[in-house]
Amino acid sequence: MIILAMDSSTSACSAALWSEGRVLAGRLSPMARGQSEALMPMVAGVMAEAGLSFADLGLLAVTVGPGAFTGLRIGLAAARGLALASGLPLAGVATPAAVAAGISGEERRGRNLLVVLESRRDEKWMQLFDSELNPLSDIRALPPSQAGELAAGPVLVAGDAAPLVQPHLPQGVVATAAGYPDAGVVAALAAHQWAQGRSLPPEPLYLRDADVTLPGQSAP
């Protein structure tokens, strides 16, 4: 199955075509704003590079946040429009999971991973994973000074707001990988979740509640 995935939920914009464990074509550009102008040309670019049409695709995927409100809305609107026009199913992928999966296993080894995402508010979106990418917490909105409530001891910190929390984590190290999702990783996650029947709906997770509980999880 060939998957077209896209992301604009953080301080970057990305689109990729993926099939059977391999990225066929991909684009990723860091940007604080301008995703509305950049995303669809990226989609057109990867489709042209791979020489594919929408009739060749089996699934669309998009990050559903949480993240920056405007970018998240742009990505979801674009993905929904493509799904409506093409008749393809659309799967949602949580942004923290996509960021976490983009960190190499070697860098994650032996420590937990805290993903911290910009919200354009005082609180930042945070979620803790173990070294095998299993969630250890729900997604929470916390000020950087309270990051230690989620992550104690040696921890790798990733995400576009990671530098803001690192000073508050004495044993925290900022990951070397980019702090935003790569659409190729989004596609791989979408394929795995789709096969297991646990894809997220293509609905935004920019909720204002202090704690966000994903479908299938129980509140803390």
N, C-alpha and C. Protein backbone atom coordinates (compact mmCIF):
# COMPACT_ATOMS: atom_id res chain seq x y z
N MET A 1 0.84 -1.20 0.00
CA MET A 1 0.00 0.00 0.00
C MET A 1 0.88 1.25 0.00
N ILE A 2 0.53 2.19 -0.84
CA ILE A 2 1.24 3.46 -0.91
C ILE A 2 0.48 4.50 -0.09
N ILE A 3 1.20 5.21 0.75
CA ILE A 3 0.59 6.19 1.65
C ILE A 3 1.16 7.57 1.35
N LEU A 4 0.29 8.55 1.24
CA LEU A 4 0.69 9.96 1.19
C LEU A 4 0.46 10.55 2.57
N ALA A 5 1.52 11.05 3.19
CA ALA A 5 1.42 11.63 4.52
C ALA A 5 1.85 13.08 4.49
N MET A 6 1.31 13.86 5.41
CA MET A 6 1.66 15.28 5.48
C MET A 6 1.62 15.76 6.92
N ASP A 7 2.39 16.81 7.18
CA ASP A 7 2.44 17.40 8.51
C ASP A 7 2.69 18.89 8.41
N SER A 8 1.95 19.66 9.19
CA SER A 8 2.23 21.09 9.36
C SER A 8 1.85 21.52 10.77
N SER A 9 1.93 20.58 11.72
CA SER A 9 1.44 20.83 13.07
C SER A 9 2.47 21.49 13.98
N THR A 10 3.72 21.61 13.53
CA THR A 10 4.76 22.23 14.35
C THR A 10 5.43 23.33 13.53
N SER A 11 6.67 23.62 13.84
CA SER A 11 7.40 24.69 13.14
C SER A 11 8.10 24.17 11.90
N ALA A 12 7.39 23.37 11.12
CA ALA A 12 7.91 22.82 9.87
C ALA A 12 6.73 22.42 9.01
N CYS A 13 7.05 22.00 7.78
CA CYS A 13 6.03 21.52 6.85
C CYS A 13 6.64 20.35 6.10
N SER A 14 5.87 19.28 5.92
CA SER A 14 6.43 18.07 5.34
C SER A 14 5.37 17.28 4.59
N ALA A 15 5.80 16.61 3.52
CA ALA A 15 4.94 15.69 2.77
C ALA A 15 5.81 14.55 2.27
N ALA A 16 5.25 13.35 2.22
CA ALA A 16 6.03 12.20 1.77
C ALA A 16 5.11 11.11 1.23
N LEU A 17 5.66 10.33 0.31
CA LEU A 17 5.03 9.11 -0.18
C LEU A 17 5.83 7.94 0.36
N TRP A 18 5.14 6.95 0.88
CA TRP A 18 5.79 5.82 1.57
C TRP A 18 5.11 4.53 1.13
N SER A 19 5.91 3.47 1.01
CA SER A 19 5.35 2.15 0.70
C SER A 19 6.28 1.06 1.19
N GLU A 20 5.73 0.12 1.94
CA GLU A 20 6.46 -1.08 2.36
C GLU A 20 7.81 -0.76 2.99
N GLY A 21 7.81 0.17 3.92
CA GLY A 21 9.02 0.48 4.66
C GLY A 21 9.99 1.41 3.98
N ARG A 22 9.58 2.02 2.89
CA ARG A 22 10.50 2.87 2.13
C ARG A 22 9.82 4.17 1.73
N VAL A 23 10.55 5.29 1.89
CA VAL A 23 10.05 6.59 1.43
C VAL A 23 10.32 6.70 -0.06
N LEU A 24 9.28 6.87 -0.84
CA LEU A 24 9.41 6.99 -2.29
C LEU A 24 9.80 8.40 -2.70
N ALA A 25 9.31 9.38 -1.98
CA ALA A 25 9.63 10.79 -2.24
C ALA A 25 9.23 11.58 -1.00
N GLY A 26 10.02 12.59 -0.66
CA GLY A 26 9.70 13.36 0.53
C GLY A 26 10.21 14.78 0.46
N ARG A 27 9.52 15.66 1.17
CA ARG A 27 9.91 17.06 1.29
C ARG A 27 9.72 17.47 2.76
N LEU A 28 10.67 18.24 3.29
CA LEU A 28 10.54 18.77 4.65
C LEU A 28 11.26 20.10 4.72
N SER A 29 10.56 21.12 5.20
CA SER A 29 11.17 22.45 5.35
C SER A 29 10.78 23.03 6.70
N PRO A 30 11.77 23.43 7.52
CA PRO A 30 11.45 24.15 8.75
C PRO A 30 10.84 25.51 8.40
N MET A 31 9.79 25.89 9.11
CA MET A 31 9.18 27.21 8.90
C MET A 31 8.27 27.54 10.07
N ALA A 32 8.40 28.74 10.57
CA ALA A 32 7.55 29.17 11.67
C ALA A 32 6.15 29.53 11.18
N ARG A 33 6.06 29.96 9.94
CA ARG A 33 4.77 30.28 9.33
C ARG A 33 4.88 30.07 7.83
N GLY A 34 3.75 30.13 7.13
CA GLY A 34 3.76 29.94 5.68
C GLY A 34 3.39 28.55 5.24
N GLN A 35 2.93 27.70 6.19
CA GLN A 35 2.56 26.34 5.81
C GLN A 35 1.41 26.30 4.81
N SER A 36 0.52 27.28 4.89
CA SER A 36 -0.63 27.27 3.99
C SER A 36 -0.21 27.42 2.54
N GLU A 37 0.89 28.14 2.30
CA GLU A 37 1.39 28.29 0.94
C GLU A 37 2.30 27.14 0.53
N ALA A 38 2.90 26.46 1.50
CA ALA A 38 3.93 25.47 1.19
C ALA A 38 3.41 24.04 1.07
N LEU A 39 2.37 23.68 1.81
CA LEU A 39 2.01 22.27 1.93
C LEU A 39 1.55 21.65 0.62
N MET A 40 0.61 22.25 -0.07
CA MET A 40 0.09 21.64 -1.29
C MET A 40 1.14 21.57 -2.40
N PRO A 41 2.00 22.59 -2.58
CA PRO A 41 3.10 22.42 -3.54
C PRO A 41 4.03 21.26 -3.16
N MET A 42 4.24 21.03 -1.87
CA MET A 42 5.04 19.87 -1.45
C MET A 42 4.35 18.57 -1.86
N VAL A 43 3.05 18.50 -1.64
CA VAL A 43 2.30 17.30 -2.04
C VAL A 43 2.42 17.08 -3.54
N ALA A 44 2.22 18.14 -4.32
CA ALA A 44 2.35 18.01 -5.77
C ALA A 44 3.75 17.59 -6.16
N GLY A 45 4.75 18.10 -5.44
CA GLY A 45 6.13 17.77 -5.74
C GLY A 45 6.47 16.31 -5.51
N VAL A 46 6.02 15.75 -4.39
CA VAL A 46 6.33 14.34 -4.13
C VAL A 46 5.56 13.43 -5.08
N MET A 47 4.34 13.80 -5.42
CA MET A 47 3.58 13.00 -6.38
C MET A 47 4.26 12.99 -7.74
N ALA A 48 4.74 14.16 -8.18
CA ALA A 48 5.42 14.25 -9.47
C ALA A 48 6.74 13.48 -9.45
N GLU A 49 7.50 13.63 -8.35
CA GLU A 49 8.79 12.94 -8.25
C GLU A 49 8.62 11.42 -8.32
N ALA A 50 7.59 10.91 -7.67
CA ALA A 50 7.36 9.47 -7.66
C ALA A 50 6.62 8.99 -8.91
N GLY A 51 6.09 9.92 -9.69
CA GLY A 51 5.36 9.54 -10.90
C GLY A 51 4.05 8.83 -10.59
N LEU A 52 3.39 9.25 -9.54
CA LEU A 52 2.16 8.59 -9.10
C LEU A 52 0.97 9.53 -9.20
N SER A 53 -0.22 8.93 -9.26
CA SER A 53 -1.46 9.69 -9.17
C SER A 53 -2.21 9.22 -7.93
N PHE A 54 -3.27 9.91 -7.58
CA PHE A 54 -4.02 9.52 -6.39
C PHE A 54 -4.68 8.15 -6.56
N ALA A 55 -4.88 7.71 -7.80
CA ALA A 55 -5.43 6.38 -8.02
C ALA A 55 -4.47 5.28 -7.59
N ASP A 56 -3.18 5.62 -7.45
CA ASP A 56 -2.18 4.64 -7.02
C ASP A 56 -2.10 4.51 -5.49
N LEU A 57 -2.73 5.41 -4.78
CA LEU A 57 -2.59 5.45 -3.33
C LEU A 57 -3.63 4.59 -2.63
N GLY A 58 -3.28 4.14 -1.42
CA GLY A 58 -4.22 3.37 -0.63
C GLY A 58 -4.69 4.06 0.63
N LEU A 59 -3.93 5.09 1.07
CA LEU A 59 -4.24 5.73 2.34
C LEU A 59 -3.61 7.11 2.38
N LEU A 60 -4.30 8.04 3.01
CA LEU A 60 -3.76 9.35 3.34
C LEU A 60 -3.54 9.41 4.85
N ALA A 61 -2.51 10.14 5.27
CA ALA A 61 -2.23 10.27 6.71
C ALA A 61 -1.84 11.70 7.02
N VAL A 62 -2.21 12.15 8.22
CA VAL A 62 -1.90 13.52 8.63
C VAL A 62 -1.72 13.55 10.15
N THR A 63 -0.83 14.40 10.61
CA THR A 63 -0.69 14.60 12.05
C THR A 63 -1.90 15.37 12.57
N VAL A 64 -2.34 14.98 13.76
CA VAL A 64 -3.54 15.60 14.34
C VAL A 64 -3.23 16.39 15.61
N GLY A 65 -1.94 16.59 15.89
CA GLY A 65 -1.56 17.39 17.03
C GLY A 65 -1.33 16.55 18.27
N PRO A 66 -1.30 17.24 19.42
CA PRO A 66 -1.43 18.70 19.51
C PRO A 66 -0.20 19.40 18.99
N GLY A 67 -0.37 20.69 18.73
CA GLY A 67 0.72 21.49 18.20
C GLY A 67 0.28 22.93 18.10
N ALA A 68 0.84 23.64 17.15
CA ALA A 68 0.46 25.03 16.92
C ALA A 68 -0.90 25.06 16.21
N PHE A 69 -1.82 25.84 16.72
CA PHE A 69 -3.21 25.84 16.24
C PHE A 69 -3.30 26.06 14.74
N THR A 70 -2.65 27.10 14.23
CA THR A 70 -2.80 27.45 12.82
C THR A 70 -2.25 26.37 11.91
N GLY A 71 -1.03 25.91 12.18
CA GLY A 71 -0.43 24.89 11.34
C GLY A 71 -1.22 23.60 11.36
N LEU A 72 -1.71 23.22 12.52
CA LEU A 72 -2.52 22.01 12.65
C LEU A 72 -3.78 22.10 11.81
N ARG A 73 -4.43 23.24 11.86
CA ARG A 73 -5.65 23.45 11.08
C ARG A 73 -5.37 23.38 9.58
N ILE A 74 -4.23 23.93 9.16
CA ILE A 74 -3.86 23.91 7.74
C ILE A 74 -3.68 22.47 7.25
N GLY A 75 -2.93 21.68 8.00
CA GLY A 75 -2.68 20.30 7.59
C GLY A 75 -3.94 19.47 7.53
N LEU A 76 -4.78 19.60 8.54
CA LEU A 76 -6.02 18.83 8.56
C LEU A 76 -6.96 19.24 7.43
N ALA A 77 -7.05 20.53 7.17
CA ALA A 77 -7.93 20.99 6.08
C ALA A 77 -7.45 20.46 4.74
N ALA A 78 -6.14 20.49 4.52
CA ALA A 78 -5.59 19.99 3.26
C ALA A 78 -5.83 18.49 3.12
N ALA A 79 -5.58 17.74 4.19
CA ALA A 79 -5.76 16.29 4.14
C ALA A 79 -7.22 15.91 3.94
N ARG A 80 -8.11 16.60 4.62
CA ARG A 80 -9.54 16.30 4.45
C ARG A 80 -10.00 16.62 3.03
N GLY A 81 -9.50 17.72 2.48
CA GLY A 81 -9.85 18.07 1.11
C GLY A 81 -9.39 17.02 0.12
N LEU A 82 -8.17 16.53 0.29
CA LEU A 82 -7.65 15.49 -0.59
C LEU A 82 -8.43 14.19 -0.43
N ALA A 83 -8.79 13.85 0.81
CA ALA A 83 -9.56 12.63 1.05
C ALA A 83 -10.94 12.72 0.39
N LEU A 84 -11.56 13.88 0.50
CA LEU A 84 -12.87 14.07 -0.10
C LEU A 84 -12.80 13.98 -1.62
N ALA A 85 -11.78 14.60 -2.21
CA ALA A 85 -11.66 14.62 -3.67
C ALA A 85 -11.28 13.25 -4.23
N SER A 86 -10.47 12.51 -3.49
CA SER A 86 -9.95 11.24 -4.01
C SER A 86 -10.75 10.02 -3.57
N GLY A 87 -11.53 10.16 -2.51
CA GLY A 87 -12.24 9.02 -1.96
C GLY A 87 -11.38 8.10 -1.13
N LEU A 88 -10.15 8.52 -0.82
CA LEU A 88 -9.23 7.70 -0.04
C LEU A 88 -9.51 7.82 1.45
N PRO A 89 -9.27 6.77 2.22
CA PRO A 89 -9.38 6.88 3.68
C PRO A 89 -8.28 7.78 4.23
N LEU A 90 -8.56 8.40 5.37
CA LEU A 90 -7.63 9.34 5.99
C LEU A 90 -7.39 8.92 7.44
N ALA A 91 -6.13 8.72 7.80
CA ALA A 91 -5.76 8.30 9.15
C ALA A 91 -5.03 9.42 9.87
N GLY A 92 -5.34 9.60 11.14
CA GLY A 92 -4.65 10.58 11.96
C GLY A 92 -3.52 9.94 12.75
N VAL A 93 -2.45 10.71 12.95
CA VAL A 93 -1.30 10.28 13.75
C VAL A 93 -0.99 11.37 14.75
N ALA A 94 -0.84 11.03 16.01
CA ALA A 94 -0.53 12.02 17.04
C ALA A 94 0.86 12.61 16.79
N THR A 95 0.97 13.92 16.88
CA THR A 95 2.24 14.59 16.61
C THR A 95 3.36 14.15 17.57
N PRO A 96 3.12 14.04 18.89
CA PRO A 96 4.22 13.59 19.75
C PRO A 96 4.76 12.22 19.36
N ALA A 97 3.88 11.30 18.97
CA ALA A 97 4.33 9.97 18.56
C ALA A 97 5.18 10.05 17.30
N ALA A 98 4.81 10.94 16.38
CA ALA A 98 5.58 11.10 15.14
C ALA A 98 6.97 11.67 15.43
N VAL A 99 7.04 12.64 16.33
CA VAL A 99 8.35 13.19 16.71
C VAL A 99 9.20 12.11 17.38
N ALA A 100 8.60 11.37 18.30
CA ALA A 100 9.34 10.33 19.02
C ALA A 100 9.88 9.27 18.07
N ALA A 101 9.07 8.86 17.11
CA ALA A 101 9.49 7.82 16.18
C ALA A 101 10.60 8.28 15.24
N GLY A 102 10.79 9.58 15.13
CA GLY A 102 11.86 10.10 14.29
C GLY A 102 13.22 10.11 14.96
N ILE A 103 13.27 9.77 16.25
CA ILE A 103 14.54 9.71 16.98
C ILE A 103 15.13 8.31 16.84
N SER A 104 16.39 8.21 16.50
CA SER A 104 17.01 6.91 16.26
C SER A 104 17.01 6.05 17.51
N GLY A 105 16.93 4.75 17.31
CA GLY A 105 16.98 3.82 18.43
C GLY A 105 18.27 3.93 19.21
N GLU A 106 19.36 4.21 18.50
CA GLU A 106 20.65 4.34 19.18
C GLU A 106 20.64 5.52 20.15
N GLU A 107 20.03 6.64 19.74
CA GLU A 107 20.00 7.80 20.61
C GLU A 107 19.03 7.61 21.77
N ARG A 108 17.97 6.84 21.55
CA ARG A 108 16.98 6.59 22.61
C ARG A 108 17.45 5.57 23.63
N ARG A 109 18.40 4.75 23.28
CA ARG A 109 18.74 3.58 24.08
C ARG A 109 19.06 3.93 25.54
N GLY A 110 18.39 3.22 26.45
CA GLY A 110 18.71 3.33 27.86
C GLY A 110 18.11 4.51 28.59
N ARG A 111 17.23 5.26 27.95
CA ARG A 111 16.63 6.40 28.64
C ARG A 111 15.25 6.70 28.06
N ASN A 112 14.45 7.36 28.86
CA ASN A 112 13.13 7.77 28.39
C ASN A 112 13.26 8.97 27.46
N LEU A 113 12.18 9.22 26.74
CA LEU A 113 12.14 10.30 25.76
C LEU A 113 10.97 11.22 26.06
N LEU A 114 11.24 12.48 26.29
CA LEU A 114 10.19 13.48 26.53
C LEU A 114 10.04 14.34 25.28
N VAL A 115 8.87 14.30 24.67
CA VAL A 115 8.57 15.15 23.51
C VAL A 115 7.88 16.41 24.01
N VAL A 116 8.40 17.56 23.58
CA VAL A 116 7.88 18.86 24.01
C VAL A 116 7.59 19.68 22.76
N LEU A 117 6.33 20.07 22.60
CA LEU A 117 5.90 20.76 21.39
C LEU A 117 5.38 22.16 21.69
N GLU A 118 5.65 23.06 20.79
CA GLU A 118 5.21 24.45 20.92
C GLU A 118 3.69 24.53 20.81
N SER A 119 3.09 25.35 21.67
CA SER A 119 1.65 25.56 21.64
C SER A 119 1.29 27.02 21.38
N ARG A 120 2.31 27.90 21.35
CA ARG A 120 2.13 29.35 21.26
C ARG A 120 1.43 29.90 22.50
N ARG A 121 1.54 29.15 23.61
CA ARG A 121 1.03 29.58 24.91
C ARG A 121 2.14 29.36 25.94
N ASP A 122 1.88 29.76 27.18
CA ASP A 122 2.88 29.55 28.23
C ASP A 122 3.13 28.07 28.46
N GLU A 123 2.07 27.27 28.44
CA GLU A 123 2.24 25.83 28.59
C GLU A 123 2.64 25.22 27.25
N LYS A 124 3.45 24.18 27.32
CA LYS A 124 3.87 23.44 26.13
C LYS A 124 3.28 22.03 26.19
N TRP A 125 3.05 21.45 25.02
CA TRP A 125 2.52 20.09 24.98
C TRP A 125 3.65 19.11 25.26
N MET A 126 3.43 18.18 26.18
CA MET A 126 4.48 17.22 26.57
C MET A 126 3.90 15.82 26.65
N GLN A 127 4.72 14.85 26.25
CA GLN A 127 4.39 13.44 26.45
C GLN A 127 5.68 12.66 26.63
N LEU A 128 5.65 11.71 27.57
CA LEU A 128 6.83 10.90 27.89
C LEU A 128 6.68 9.51 27.28
N PHE A 129 7.77 9.03 26.66
CA PHE A 129 7.84 7.70 26.08
C PHE A 129 9.02 6.95 26.69
N ASP A 130 8.96 5.62 26.67
CA ASP A 130 10.15 4.86 27.06
C ASP A 130 11.05 4.70 25.84
N SER A 131 12.16 3.99 26.00
CA SER A 131 13.13 3.89 24.92
C SER A 131 12.61 3.08 23.73
N GLU A 132 11.52 2.33 23.95
CA GLU A 132 10.90 1.55 22.87
C GLU A 132 9.69 2.27 22.28
N LEU A 133 9.51 3.52 22.64
CA LEU A 133 8.44 4.39 22.12
C LEU A 133 7.06 4.05 22.66
N ASN A 134 7.00 3.32 23.76
CA ASN A 134 5.72 3.11 24.42
C ASN A 134 5.38 4.33 25.27
N PRO A 135 4.17 4.87 25.17
CA PRO A 135 3.81 6.05 25.97
C PRO A 135 3.83 5.74 27.47
N LEU A 136 4.45 6.61 28.23
CA LEU A 136 4.46 6.51 29.69
C LEU A 136 3.56 7.54 30.34
N SER A 137 3.00 8.44 29.54
CA SER A 137 2.08 9.45 30.06
C SER A 137 1.08 9.81 28.98
N ASP A 138 0.02 10.44 29.38
CA ASP A 138 -0.87 11.09 28.42
C ASP A 138 -0.18 12.36 27.92
N ILE A 139 -0.77 13.00 26.94
CA ILE A 139 -0.28 14.29 26.48
C ILE A 139 -0.77 15.35 27.46
N ARG A 140 0.15 16.18 27.93
CA ARG A 140 -0.20 17.19 28.92
C ARG A 140 0.29 18.56 28.50
N ALA A 141 -0.40 19.58 28.96
CA ALA A 141 0.02 20.96 28.75
C ALA A 141 0.61 21.47 30.06
N LEU A 142 1.92 21.71 30.06
CA LEU A 142 2.62 22.13 31.26
C LEU A 142 3.59 23.26 30.94
N PRO A 143 3.83 24.16 31.88
CA PRO A 143 4.89 25.15 31.67
C PRO A 143 6.24 24.44 31.70
N PRO A 144 7.23 24.97 30.99
CA PRO A 144 8.55 24.31 30.95
C PRO A 144 9.11 24.01 32.33
N SER A 145 8.84 24.89 33.30
CA SER A 145 9.40 24.69 34.64
C SER A 145 8.87 23.45 35.34
N GLN A 146 7.76 22.88 34.83
CA GLN A 146 7.18 21.70 35.45
C GLN A 146 7.46 20.42 34.67
N ALA A 147 8.39 20.47 33.73
CA ALA A 147 8.70 19.28 32.94
C ALA A 147 9.17 18.13 33.81
N GLY A 148 9.80 18.45 34.94
CA GLY A 148 10.27 17.42 35.85
C GLY A 148 9.16 16.58 36.44
N GLU A 149 7.92 17.06 36.38
CA GLU A 149 6.79 16.26 36.87
C GLU A 149 6.58 15.02 36.02
N LEU A 150 6.96 15.11 34.73
CA LEU A 150 6.83 13.98 33.83
C LEU A 150 8.11 13.18 33.72
N ALA A 151 9.24 13.86 33.73
CA ALA A 151 10.51 13.20 33.42
C ALA A 151 11.51 13.43 34.55
N ALA A 152 11.84 12.36 35.24
CA ALA A 152 12.87 12.42 36.28
C ALA A 152 14.03 11.52 35.87
N GLY A 153 15.22 11.90 36.22
CA GLY A 153 16.39 11.11 35.87
C GLY A 153 16.85 11.36 34.44
N PRO A 154 17.71 10.49 33.92
CA PRO A 154 18.22 10.67 32.55
C PRO A 154 17.08 10.64 31.54
N VAL A 155 17.00 11.63 30.70
CA VAL A 155 15.92 11.70 29.72
C VAL A 155 16.42 12.42 28.48
N LEU A 156 16.00 11.92 27.34
CA LEU A 156 16.26 12.58 26.07
C LEU A 156 15.06 13.47 25.76
N VAL A 157 15.31 14.70 25.34
CA VAL A 157 14.23 15.66 25.09
C VAL A 157 14.20 15.99 23.60
N ALA A 158 13.02 15.92 22.99
CA ALA A 158 12.86 16.19 21.57
C ALA A 158 11.63 17.04 21.34
N GLY A 159 11.55 17.66 20.17
CA GLY A 159 10.41 18.51 19.83
C GLY A 159 10.84 19.94 19.62
N ASP A 160 9.98 20.72 18.97
CA ASP A 160 10.37 22.09 18.62
C ASP A 160 10.46 23.01 19.83
N ALA A 161 9.94 22.59 21.00
CA ALA A 161 10.07 23.38 22.22
C ALA A 161 11.02 22.73 23.23
N ALA A 162 11.77 21.74 22.79
CA ALA A 162 12.69 21.02 23.69
C ALA A 162 13.69 21.94 24.39
N PRO A 163 14.29 22.92 23.69
CA PRO A 163 15.27 23.77 24.38
C PRO A 163 14.70 24.56 25.56
N LEU A 164 13.38 24.75 25.58
CA LEU A 164 12.77 25.52 26.66
C LEU A 164 12.71 24.74 27.97
N VAL A 165 12.66 23.42 27.88
CA VAL A 165 12.54 22.62 29.11
C VAL A 165 13.88 22.06 29.57
N GLN A 166 14.86 21.99 28.69
CA GLN A 166 16.13 21.38 29.05
C GLN A 166 16.77 21.99 30.30
N PRO A 167 16.71 23.34 30.48
CA PRO A 167 17.29 23.91 31.70
C PRO A 167 16.62 23.44 32.99
N HIS A 168 15.39 22.93 32.88
CA HIS A 168 14.65 22.50 34.07
C HIS A 168 14.79 20.99 34.32
N LEU A 169 15.59 20.33 33.49
CA LEU A 169 15.82 18.89 33.64
C LEU A 169 17.32 18.66 33.80
N PRO A 170 17.81 18.55 35.02
CA PRO A 170 19.26 18.44 35.25
C PRO A 170 19.92 17.31 34.48
N GLN A 171 19.19 16.21 34.24
CA GLN A 171 19.75 15.08 33.50
C GLN A 171 19.13 14.97 32.11
N GLY A 172 18.60 16.07 31.60
CA GLY A 172 17.99 16.07 30.28
C GLY A 172 18.98 16.46 29.20
N VAL A 173 18.91 15.76 28.07
CA VAL A 173 19.76 16.04 26.92
C VAL A 173 18.86 16.23 25.70
N VAL A 174 19.05 17.31 24.96
CA VAL A 174 18.24 17.56 23.77
C VAL A 174 18.70 16.65 22.64
N ALA A 175 17.76 16.00 21.98
CA ALA A 175 18.08 15.08 20.89
C ALA A 175 18.73 15.81 19.73
N THR A 176 19.57 15.10 19.00
CA THR A 176 20.24 15.69 17.84
C THR A 176 19.32 15.77 16.63
N ALA A 177 18.28 14.94 16.58
CA ALA A 177 17.37 14.94 15.44
C ALA A 177 16.53 16.21 15.43
N ALA A 178 16.00 16.53 14.26
CA ALA A 178 15.12 17.69 14.12
C ALA A 178 13.93 17.56 15.06
N GLY A 179 13.44 18.69 15.55
CA GLY A 179 12.39 18.67 16.55
C GLY A 179 10.99 18.70 16.00
N TYR A 180 10.78 18.21 14.80
CA TYR A 180 9.46 18.23 14.20
C TYR A 180 9.25 16.95 13.40
N PRO A 181 8.00 16.59 13.11
CA PRO A 181 7.74 15.33 12.43
C PRO A 181 8.23 15.34 10.98
N ASP A 182 8.68 14.19 10.53
CA ASP A 182 8.96 13.95 9.12
C ASP A 182 7.78 13.16 8.57
N ALA A 183 7.24 13.59 7.44
CA ALA A 183 6.05 12.92 6.90
C ALA A 183 6.30 11.46 6.56
N GLY A 184 7.55 11.11 6.25
CA GLY A 184 7.86 9.70 6.02
C GLY A 184 7.64 8.87 7.26
N VAL A 185 7.99 9.41 8.42
CA VAL A 185 7.75 8.74 9.69
C VAL A 185 6.25 8.69 9.99
N VAL A 186 5.56 9.78 9.69
CA VAL A 186 4.10 9.81 9.87
C VAL A 186 3.44 8.69 9.07
N ALA A 187 3.89 8.51 7.83
CA ALA A 187 3.32 7.45 6.98
C ALA A 187 3.59 6.07 7.56
N ALA A 188 4.80 5.84 8.04
CA ALA A 188 5.14 4.53 8.61
C ALA A 188 4.28 4.24 9.85
N LEU A 189 4.10 5.24 10.70
CA LEU A 189 3.24 5.06 11.87
C LEU A 189 1.79 4.81 11.45
N ALA A 190 1.33 5.55 10.46
CA ALA A 190 -0.04 5.38 9.98
C ALA A 190 -0.26 3.97 9.45
N ALA A 191 0.72 3.44 8.72
CA ALA A 191 0.60 2.08 8.18
C ALA A 191 0.49 1.06 9.30
N HIS A 192 1.33 1.21 10.31
CA HIS A 192 1.32 0.28 11.44
C HIS A 192 0.00 0.35 12.21
N GLN A 193 -0.45 1.57 12.49
CA GLN A 193 -1.68 1.74 13.25
C GLN A 193 -2.90 1.30 12.44
N TRP A 194 -2.89 1.58 11.14
CA TRP A 194 -4.00 1.19 10.27
C TRP A 194 -4.13 -0.33 10.24
N ALA A 195 -3.01 -1.04 10.13
CA ALA A 195 -3.04 -2.50 10.08
C ALA A 195 -3.57 -3.09 11.38
N GLN A 196 -3.36 -2.38 12.49
CA GLN A 196 -3.84 -2.86 13.79
C GLN A 196 -5.23 -2.33 14.14
N GLY A 197 -5.81 -1.53 13.25
CA GLY A 197 -7.14 -1.00 13.50
C GLY A 197 -7.21 0.02 14.61
N ARG A 198 -6.11 0.75 14.83
CA ARG A 198 -6.12 1.74 15.91
C ARG A 198 -5.66 3.12 15.44
N SER A 199 -5.99 3.47 14.22
CA SER A 199 -5.70 4.82 13.74
C SER A 199 -6.54 5.85 14.50
N LEU A 200 -5.99 7.03 14.66
CA LEU A 200 -6.76 8.12 15.24
C LEU A 200 -7.66 8.74 14.18
N PRO A 201 -8.81 9.25 14.57
CA PRO A 201 -9.64 9.97 13.60
C PRO A 201 -8.94 11.25 13.17
N PRO A 202 -9.22 11.73 11.97
CA PRO A 202 -8.59 12.97 11.49
C PRO A 202 -9.24 14.20 12.12
N GLU A 203 -9.14 14.28 13.42
CA GLU A 203 -9.69 15.39 14.19
C GLU A 203 -8.57 16.02 15.01
N PRO A 204 -8.60 17.33 15.21
CA PRO A 204 -7.49 18.00 15.90
C PRO A 204 -7.42 17.69 17.39
N LEU A 205 -6.19 17.58 17.88
CA LEU A 205 -5.94 17.40 19.31
C LEU A 205 -5.37 18.67 19.91
N TYR A 206 -5.87 19.84 19.48
CA TYR A 206 -5.40 21.08 20.10
C TYR A 206 -6.32 21.49 21.24
N LEU A 207 -6.72 20.54 22.04
CA LEU A 207 -7.63 20.79 23.15
C LEU A 207 -6.99 21.71 24.17
N ARG A 208 -7.81 22.48 24.86
CA ARG A 208 -7.29 23.42 25.85
C ARG A 208 -7.17 22.80 27.24
N ASP A 209 -7.69 21.59 27.40
CA ASP A 209 -7.60 20.95 28.71
C ASP A 209 -6.14 20.75 29.11
N ALA A 210 -5.90 20.75 30.43
CA ALA A 210 -4.53 20.57 30.91
C ALA A 210 -3.98 19.22 30.50
N ASP A 211 -4.82 18.20 30.50
CA ASP A 211 -4.39 16.86 30.12
C ASP A 211 -5.23 16.41 28.93
N VAL A 212 -4.61 15.80 27.94
CA VAL A 212 -5.30 15.30 26.77
C VAL A 212 -5.20 13.78 26.78
N THR A 213 -6.33 13.10 26.71
CA THR A 213 -6.34 11.65 26.68
C THR A 213 -6.70 11.19 25.28
N LEU A 214 -5.85 10.37 24.67
CA LEU A 214 -6.10 9.87 23.34
C LEU A 214 -7.17 8.78 23.39
N PRO A 215 -7.87 8.56 22.26
CA PRO A 215 -8.85 7.49 22.22
C PRO A 215 -8.21 6.16 22.62
N GLY A 216 -8.90 5.39 23.46
CA GLY A 216 -8.38 4.11 23.89
C GLY A 216 -7.54 4.17 25.14
N GLN A 217 -7.24 5.37 25.62
CA GLN A 217 -6.48 5.52 26.85
C GLN A 217 -7.42 5.98 27.96
N SER A 218 -7.06 5.68 29.18
CA SER A 218 -7.83 6.17 30.32
C SER A 218 -7.15 7.38 30.90
N ALA A 219 -7.93 8.27 31.44
CA ALA A 219 -7.36 9.48 32.02
C ALA A 219 -6.55 9.12 33.25
N PRO A 220 -5.49 9.93 33.56
CA PRO A 220 -4.65 9.63 34.72
C PRO A 220 -5.43 9.82 36.01
